[in-house]
Amino acid sequence: AFNDQMMDETIEPFCQDGVWYYCLPGYIETQKILLPWGTEKELQVDGKSASLVWSWEEEKTYTFTWKGQDYQVQFLCNSQLPTLFIHTESGSLEEIHRSKNHEETGHLLALDASGTVEYQGDLKRIKGRGNSTFSDYDKKPYSIKLEESFPLAGLEESKDYTLLALAFDGDKIHSKLGLEVASALGENDTEAQWVALYINGEWRGLYLLATSVSHLDQFQEEGAVLLEKDMESRYLESGNGFTTQDGNHFSVKRPQEINENDLTQLENRINQIETSILAGKPDFEMMDLDSFAVQILTEEVTRNFDAYKTSSFYYYLPGD
């Protein structure tokens, strides 16, 4: 498929119930596609010779005849959304899907909803992310890192982005709604935008592109720490954190390395907060009460399944 700027990308079909489907970007609705099926004499559509530069009707089933073989083919179009084309260094997702620890370099072509190229450049990194969303679903989430900061899909400028797969989210709006609720309450700086994602020519589906919390100013401050409360099995995999006196497990996500003295001081502070809450006399002077209130409201309003149990994030700022 190509657009007016001739930024061409090959899109691979997938087969379901004997029909081959091409899922095309939303901007391609008013443009043409190039059928890479050989010469015009080799390809017939519904019994007639077809031009290789060809227009189509959406959701109509065509019979493509190529080298004596018939194929049932449909063309589908994404909504008018920004589109990301990613190519991994290996040309495959096999190792990335095998382990979250595996990362590759790559290339990114990003287009806005109209098909205008907004970014084209190398990826410093693409890797898997998430917990059950990574291990339990074929449609997996990713994190990407650009070589230079850029405002992808109209989001805040950043090098680090996450691509949320929304595999367990039936209506595909739950995660974005949660971010918007937190923003409306004044305690969220993470922006998100739905995008159509293609990797190595394969349509991966609808994803939610979001800026990573690691780009926020507070995590650039010396002594700032980002913690994740998680289940014991995941905590043990991290190898960097502590368990409170009441058995809650916290992993240090930022910085990537923390010295033993700073970690001990942080553990003591979390234990003090926990002890005061369990005693029914929470020490509010040790907490950002407004931030805690917003978190609780957001978790409850959005009915977050993981709330207070796993994948819950907290940050400590020096001097607070």
Protein backbone atom coordinates (compact mmCIF):
# COMPACT_ATOMS: atom_id res chain seq x y z
CA ALA A 1 0.00 0.00 0.00
CA PHE A 2 1.23 3.53 -0.59
CA ASN A 3 0.21 7.09 0.03
CA ASP A 4 0.75 10.31 -1.87
CA GLN A 5 4.24 10.69 -0.41
CA MET A 6 5.17 7.27 -1.83
CA MET A 7 6.12 5.97 1.61
CA ASP A 8 5.37 2.38 0.68
CA GLU A 9 4.74 -0.49 3.09
CA THR A 10 3.93 -4.11 2.35
CA ILE A 11 0.96 -5.42 4.32
CA GLU A 12 0.60 -9.16 4.75
CA PRO A 13 -2.88 -10.79 4.79
CA PHE A 14 -4.12 -13.26 7.37
CA CYS A 15 -6.42 -16.22 6.74
CA GLN A 16 -9.57 -16.97 8.72
CA ASP A 17 -12.21 -19.54 7.74
CA GLY A 18 -10.76 -19.82 4.25
CA VAL A 19 -10.83 -16.08 3.54
CA TRP A 20 -7.68 -13.97 3.23
CA TYR A 21 -8.06 -10.56 4.86
CA TYR A 22 -6.02 -7.43 4.15
CA CYS A 23 -6.39 -4.92 7.01
CA LEU A 24 -5.45 -1.54 5.60
CA PRO A 25 -4.76 1.80 7.34
CA GLY A 26 -7.68 4.22 7.57
CA TYR A 27 -5.99 6.78 5.33
CA ILE A 28 -5.86 4.30 2.45
CA GLU A 29 -9.64 4.63 1.91
CA THR A 30 -9.15 7.44 -0.58
CA GLN A 31 -6.01 6.04 -2.15
CA LYS A 32 -4.95 3.06 -4.18
CA ILE A 33 -3.03 -0.08 -3.38
CA LEU A 34 -0.37 -1.96 -5.27
CA LEU A 35 -1.02 -5.69 -5.52
CA PRO A 36 2.37 -7.46 -5.42
CA TRP A 37 1.10 -10.58 -7.15
CA GLY A 38 3.42 -10.62 -10.15
CA THR A 39 2.45 -9.32 -13.58
CA GLU A 40 -1.04 -8.24 -14.62
CA LYS A 41 -1.39 -11.32 -16.83
CA GLU A 42 -0.83 -13.59 -13.82
CA LEU A 43 -3.60 -12.14 -11.66
CA GLN A 44 -7.34 -12.22 -12.20
CA VAL A 45 -10.02 -10.78 -9.94
CA ASP A 46 -13.48 -12.32 -10.29
CA GLY A 47 -12.42 -13.86 -13.60
CA LYS A 48 -11.08 -10.66 -15.13
CA SER A 49 -7.54 -9.38 -15.53
CA ALA A 50 -6.75 -6.86 -12.81
CA SER A 51 -4.52 -3.84 -12.82
CA LEU A 52 -1.81 -4.14 -10.19
CA VAL A 53 -2.55 -0.58 -9.05
CA TRP A 54 -6.09 -1.21 -7.93
CA SER A 55 -9.06 0.20 -6.03
CA TRP A 56 -11.43 -1.96 -4.00
CA GLU A 57 -14.70 -2.10 -2.09
CA GLU A 58 -14.47 -2.73 1.64
CA GLU A 59 -15.82 -6.04 3.01
CA LYS A 60 -16.65 -7.34 -0.48
CA THR A 61 -15.36 -10.87 -1.08
CA TYR A 62 -13.29 -11.14 -4.25
CA THR A 63 -11.99 -14.27 -5.96
CA PHE A 64 -8.33 -13.79 -6.77
CA THR A 65 -6.95 -16.30 -9.27
CA TRP A 66 -3.19 -16.52 -9.31
CA LYS A 67 -1.15 -19.25 -11.01
CA GLY A 68 -4.25 -21.42 -11.34
CA GLN A 69 -5.20 -21.18 -7.65
CA ASP A 70 -8.31 -19.38 -6.38
CA TYR A 71 -8.23 -17.30 -3.18
CA GLN A 72 -11.15 -15.67 -1.41
CA VAL A 73 -10.00 -12.15 -0.47
CA GLN A 74 -11.51 -9.28 1.51
CA PHE A 75 -10.16 -5.81 2.19
CA LEU A 76 -10.88 -4.18 5.54
CA CYS A 77 -10.03 -0.66 6.61
CA ASN A 78 -9.05 0.62 10.02
CA SER A 79 -10.72 3.68 11.48
CA GLN A 80 -9.21 7.08 10.81
CA LEU A 81 -6.40 6.72 13.34
CA PRO A 82 -2.67 7.38 13.39
CA THR A 83 -0.75 4.42 11.99
CA LEU A 84 2.57 2.96 13.13
CA PHE A 85 4.68 0.69 10.94
CA ILE A 86 7.48 -1.02 12.90
CA HIS A 87 10.16 -3.27 11.47
CA THR A 88 12.33 -5.23 13.89
CA GLU A 89 16.02 -5.83 13.28
CA SER A 90 15.49 -9.59 12.94
CA GLY A 91 12.37 -9.23 10.80
CA SER A 92 10.54 -11.40 13.33
CA LEU A 93 8.71 -11.13 16.66
CA GLU A 94 9.57 -14.67 17.73
CA GLU A 95 12.27 -13.84 20.29
CA ILE A 96 10.49 -10.70 21.50
CA HIS A 97 7.39 -12.79 22.18
CA ARG A 98 9.45 -15.51 23.82
CA SER A 99 10.89 -13.29 26.56
CA LYS A 100 10.27 -9.78 27.90
CA ASN A 101 14.01 -9.51 28.48
CA HIS A 102 14.75 -9.75 24.76
CA GLU A 103 14.98 -6.43 22.95
CA GLU A 104 15.86 -5.46 19.40
CA THR A 105 16.55 -2.34 17.44
CA GLY A 106 14.29 -1.49 14.55
CA HIS A 107 12.70 1.16 12.39
CA LEU A 108 9.52 3.19 12.83
CA LEU A 109 7.33 4.94 10.29
CA ALA A 110 4.53 6.95 11.90
CA LEU A 111 1.69 8.55 9.95
CA ASP A 112 -1.15 10.72 11.17
CA ALA A 113 -4.81 9.88 10.51
CA SER A 114 -4.68 11.47 7.06
CA GLY A 115 -1.65 9.41 6.01
CA THR A 116 0.88 12.22 6.30
CA VAL A 117 4.28 11.07 7.50
CA GLU A 118 5.04 12.61 10.89
CA TYR A 119 8.06 10.54 11.89
CA GLN A 120 10.50 8.15 10.25
CA GLY A 121 13.59 6.90 12.00
CA ASP A 122 15.41 4.16 13.85
CA LEU A 123 14.15 2.57 17.04
CA LYS A 124 16.71 2.23 19.78
CA ARG A 125 14.64 -0.54 21.30
CA ILE A 126 11.47 -2.59 20.99
CA LYS A 127 10.61 -5.21 23.60
CA GLY A 128 7.68 -6.90 25.27
CA ARG A 129 6.13 -5.49 28.44
CA GLY A 130 3.38 -6.28 30.93
CA ASN A 131 2.66 -9.29 33.10
CA SER A 132 -0.44 -11.40 32.36
CA THR A 133 -1.09 -9.23 29.30
CA PHE A 134 2.24 -10.47 27.96
CA SER A 135 2.12 -14.10 29.09
CA ASP A 136 -1.56 -14.94 28.56
CA TYR A 137 -2.43 -13.39 25.19
CA ASP A 138 -1.22 -13.76 21.60
CA LYS A 139 -1.73 -10.03 21.09
CA LYS A 140 1.10 -8.69 23.21
CA PRO A 141 2.01 -5.22 24.50
CA TYR A 142 5.34 -3.57 23.70
CA SER A 143 7.58 -0.75 24.79
CA ILE A 144 9.58 1.26 22.27
CA LYS A 145 12.38 3.78 22.61
CA LEU A 146 13.16 6.35 19.93
CA GLU A 147 16.64 7.62 19.18
CA GLU A 148 15.45 11.18 19.83
CA SER A 149 12.41 12.62 21.61
CA PHE A 150 9.39 13.19 19.38
CA PRO A 151 5.64 13.82 19.96
CA LEU A 152 4.24 10.67 18.32
CA ALA A 153 0.53 10.74 17.40
CA GLY A 154 0.17 14.20 18.91
CA LEU A 155 1.27 13.09 22.38
CA GLU A 156 3.76 14.86 24.59
CA GLU A 157 7.33 14.69 23.29
CA SER A 158 9.18 11.65 24.60
CA LYS A 159 11.72 8.98 23.72
CA ASP A 160 9.85 6.26 25.61
CA TYR A 161 6.41 4.97 24.66
CA THR A 162 4.29 1.95 25.53
CA LEU A 163 1.95 0.14 23.16
CA LEU A 164 -0.91 -1.36 25.18
CA ALA A 165 -2.53 -4.31 23.40
CA LEU A 166 -5.97 -4.03 25.11
CA ALA A 167 -6.33 -7.78 24.57
CA PHE A 168 -8.53 -8.31 27.65
CA ASP A 169 -10.38 -5.01 27.21
CA GLY A 170 -13.59 -5.79 25.33
CA ASP A 171 -14.59 -2.21 24.58
CA LYS A 172 -10.98 -0.99 24.12
CA ILE A 173 -11.69 2.19 26.09
CA HIS A 174 -11.09 1.09 29.70
CA SER A 175 -7.37 1.95 29.89
CA LYS A 176 -7.75 5.30 28.15
CA LEU A 177 -10.75 6.16 30.32
CA GLY A 178 -8.71 5.41 33.44
CA LEU A 179 -5.98 7.80 32.32
CA GLU A 180 -8.52 10.50 31.51
CA VAL A 181 -10.25 10.10 34.89
CA ALA A 182 -6.90 10.56 36.65
CA SER A 183 -6.12 13.56 34.44
CA ALA A 184 -9.49 15.15 35.24
CA LEU A 185 -8.64 14.76 38.92
CA GLY A 186 -5.31 16.50 38.31
CA GLU A 187 -2.93 13.66 39.07
CA ASN A 188 -1.92 12.15 35.73
CA ASP A 189 0.62 13.34 33.18
CA THR A 190 0.55 10.25 30.96
CA GLU A 191 -1.08 10.86 27.57
CA ALA A 192 -2.49 8.18 25.28
CA GLN A 193 -3.87 7.82 21.74
CA TRP A 194 -5.35 4.85 19.88
CA VAL A 195 -3.27 3.77 16.87
CA ALA A 196 -3.32 1.08 14.19
CA LEU A 197 -0.15 -1.01 14.54
CA TYR A 198 1.72 -3.02 11.93
CA ILE A 199 4.92 -4.93 12.74
CA ASN A 200 7.03 -6.47 9.98
CA GLY A 201 4.11 -6.02 7.58
CA GLU A 202 1.66 -7.86 9.84
CA TRP A 203 -1.43 -6.09 11.14
CA ARG A 204 -1.28 -6.35 14.94
CA GLY A 205 -4.55 -4.51 15.56
CA LEU A 206 -5.77 -1.56 17.62
CA TYR A 207 -3.31 -0.43 20.29
CA LEU A 208 -3.19 2.37 22.82
CA LEU A 209 0.02 4.36 22.44
CA ALA A 210 1.01 6.06 25.71
CA THR A 211 3.95 8.06 26.94
CA SER A 212 6.03 6.19 29.49
CA VAL A 213 6.13 7.50 33.07
CA SER A 214 9.93 7.36 32.89
CA HIS A 215 9.98 10.54 30.78
CA LEU A 216 8.26 12.67 33.44
CA ASP A 217 10.30 15.41 35.09
CA GLN A 218 9.99 13.98 38.61
CA PHE A 219 11.83 10.82 37.58
CA GLN A 220 14.77 12.85 36.37
CA GLU A 221 15.35 14.26 39.87
CA GLU A 222 18.20 12.87 41.89
CA GLY A 223 16.89 10.45 44.49
CA ALA A 224 13.47 9.95 42.85
CA VAL A 225 12.24 6.35 43.02
CA LEU A 226 9.41 4.59 41.19
CA LEU A 227 8.06 1.52 43.00
CA GLU A 228 5.77 -1.26 41.79
CA LYS A 229 3.66 -3.25 44.25
CA ASP A 230 3.33 -6.74 42.85
CA MET A 231 2.66 -10.39 43.55
CA GLU A 232 5.43 -12.41 45.17
CA SER A 233 6.32 -14.43 42.07
CA ARG A 234 6.78 -11.31 39.94
CA TYR A 235 8.61 -9.52 42.74
CA LEU A 236 11.10 -12.38 43.03
CA GLU A 237 11.78 -12.18 39.30
CA SER A 238 12.72 -8.51 39.57
CA GLY A 239 15.52 -9.11 42.09
CA ASN A 240 15.51 -5.46 43.16
CA GLY A 241 13.25 -4.34 45.99
CA PHE A 242 11.95 -5.30 49.42
CA THR A 243 9.08 -6.94 51.30
CA THR A 244 7.33 -4.98 54.03
CA GLN A 245 6.63 -6.27 57.53
CA ASP A 246 3.04 -7.00 56.50
CA GLY A 247 4.19 -9.02 53.47
CA ASN A 248 3.67 -6.51 50.67
CA HIS A 249 6.21 -6.78 47.85
CA PHE A 250 7.71 -3.71 46.18
CA SER A 251 10.10 -3.71 43.21
CA VAL A 252 12.23 -0.69 42.32
CA LYS A 253 11.49 0.25 38.70
CA ARG A 254 13.40 3.56 38.59
CA PRO A 255 16.29 4.06 38.92
CA GLN A 256 17.56 0.85 37.36
CA GLU A 257 20.26 0.71 40.04
CA ILE A 258 19.86 1.82 43.66
CA ASN A 259 22.47 1.53 46.40
CA GLU A 260 21.79 -0.58 49.49
CA ASN A 261 21.67 2.37 51.89
CA ASP A 262 19.04 4.25 49.85
CA LEU A 263 17.01 1.06 49.47
CA THR A 264 17.07 0.44 53.23
CA GLN A 265 15.94 4.01 53.96
CA LEU A 266 13.10 3.64 51.46
CA GLU A 267 12.05 0.29 52.94
CA ASN A 268 11.99 1.81 56.44
CA ARG A 269 9.82 4.68 55.28
CA ILE A 270 7.31 2.39 53.56
CA ASN A 271 7.19 0.22 56.68
CA GLN A 272 6.47 3.29 58.82
CA ILE A 273 3.59 4.32 56.55
CA GLU A 274 2.21 0.78 56.48
CA THR A 275 2.43 0.40 60.25
CA SER A 276 0.63 3.68 60.87
CA ILE A 277 -2.20 2.70 58.48
CA LEU A 278 -2.64 -0.75 60.02
CA ALA A 279 -2.74 0.81 63.48
CA GLY A 280 -5.61 3.01 62.38
CA LYS A 281 -3.53 6.17 62.76
CA PRO A 282 -2.15 6.92 59.27
CA ASP A 283 0.73 9.35 59.25
CA PHE A 284 -0.47 11.74 56.55
CA GLU A 285 2.65 13.88 56.88
CA MET A 286 4.61 11.06 55.24
CA MET A 287 2.24 10.82 52.28
CA ASP A 288 0.96 13.01 49.48
CA LEU A 289 -2.66 12.70 50.57
CA ASP A 290 -4.14 14.31 47.44
CA SER A 291 -2.25 11.88 45.22
CA PHE A 292 -3.35 8.86 47.27
CA ALA A 293 -6.97 10.04 47.16
CA VAL A 294 -6.87 10.41 43.38
CA GLN A 295 -5.37 6.95 43.00
CA ILE A 296 -8.11 5.36 45.12
CA LEU A 297 -10.87 7.23 43.29
CA THR A 298 -9.44 6.26 39.90
CA GLU A 299 -9.10 2.59 40.87
CA GLU A 300 -12.67 2.47 42.19
CA VAL A 301 -14.38 4.44 39.41
CA THR A 302 -12.69 2.35 36.69
CA ARG A 303 -13.07 -0.89 38.69
CA ASN A 304 -9.43 -1.74 38.12
CA PHE A 305 -9.07 -5.51 38.60
CA ASP A 306 -5.41 -5.18 39.66
CA ALA A 307 -6.01 -2.42 42.19
CA TYR A 308 -4.06 -2.73 45.45
CA LYS A 309 -2.84 -6.22 44.46
CA THR A 310 -0.48 -6.07 41.53
CA SER A 311 1.00 -3.64 39.00
CA SER A 312 0.30 -0.72 41.35
CA PHE A 313 2.86 2.07 41.08
CA TYR A 314 4.03 4.59 43.67
CA TYR A 315 6.75 7.17 43.57
CA TYR A 316 8.97 8.77 46.16
CA LEU A 317 10.43 12.23 45.66
CA PRO A 318 13.34 13.48 47.73
CA GLY A 319 12.33 16.06 50.29
CA ASP A 320 8.63 15.08 50.16
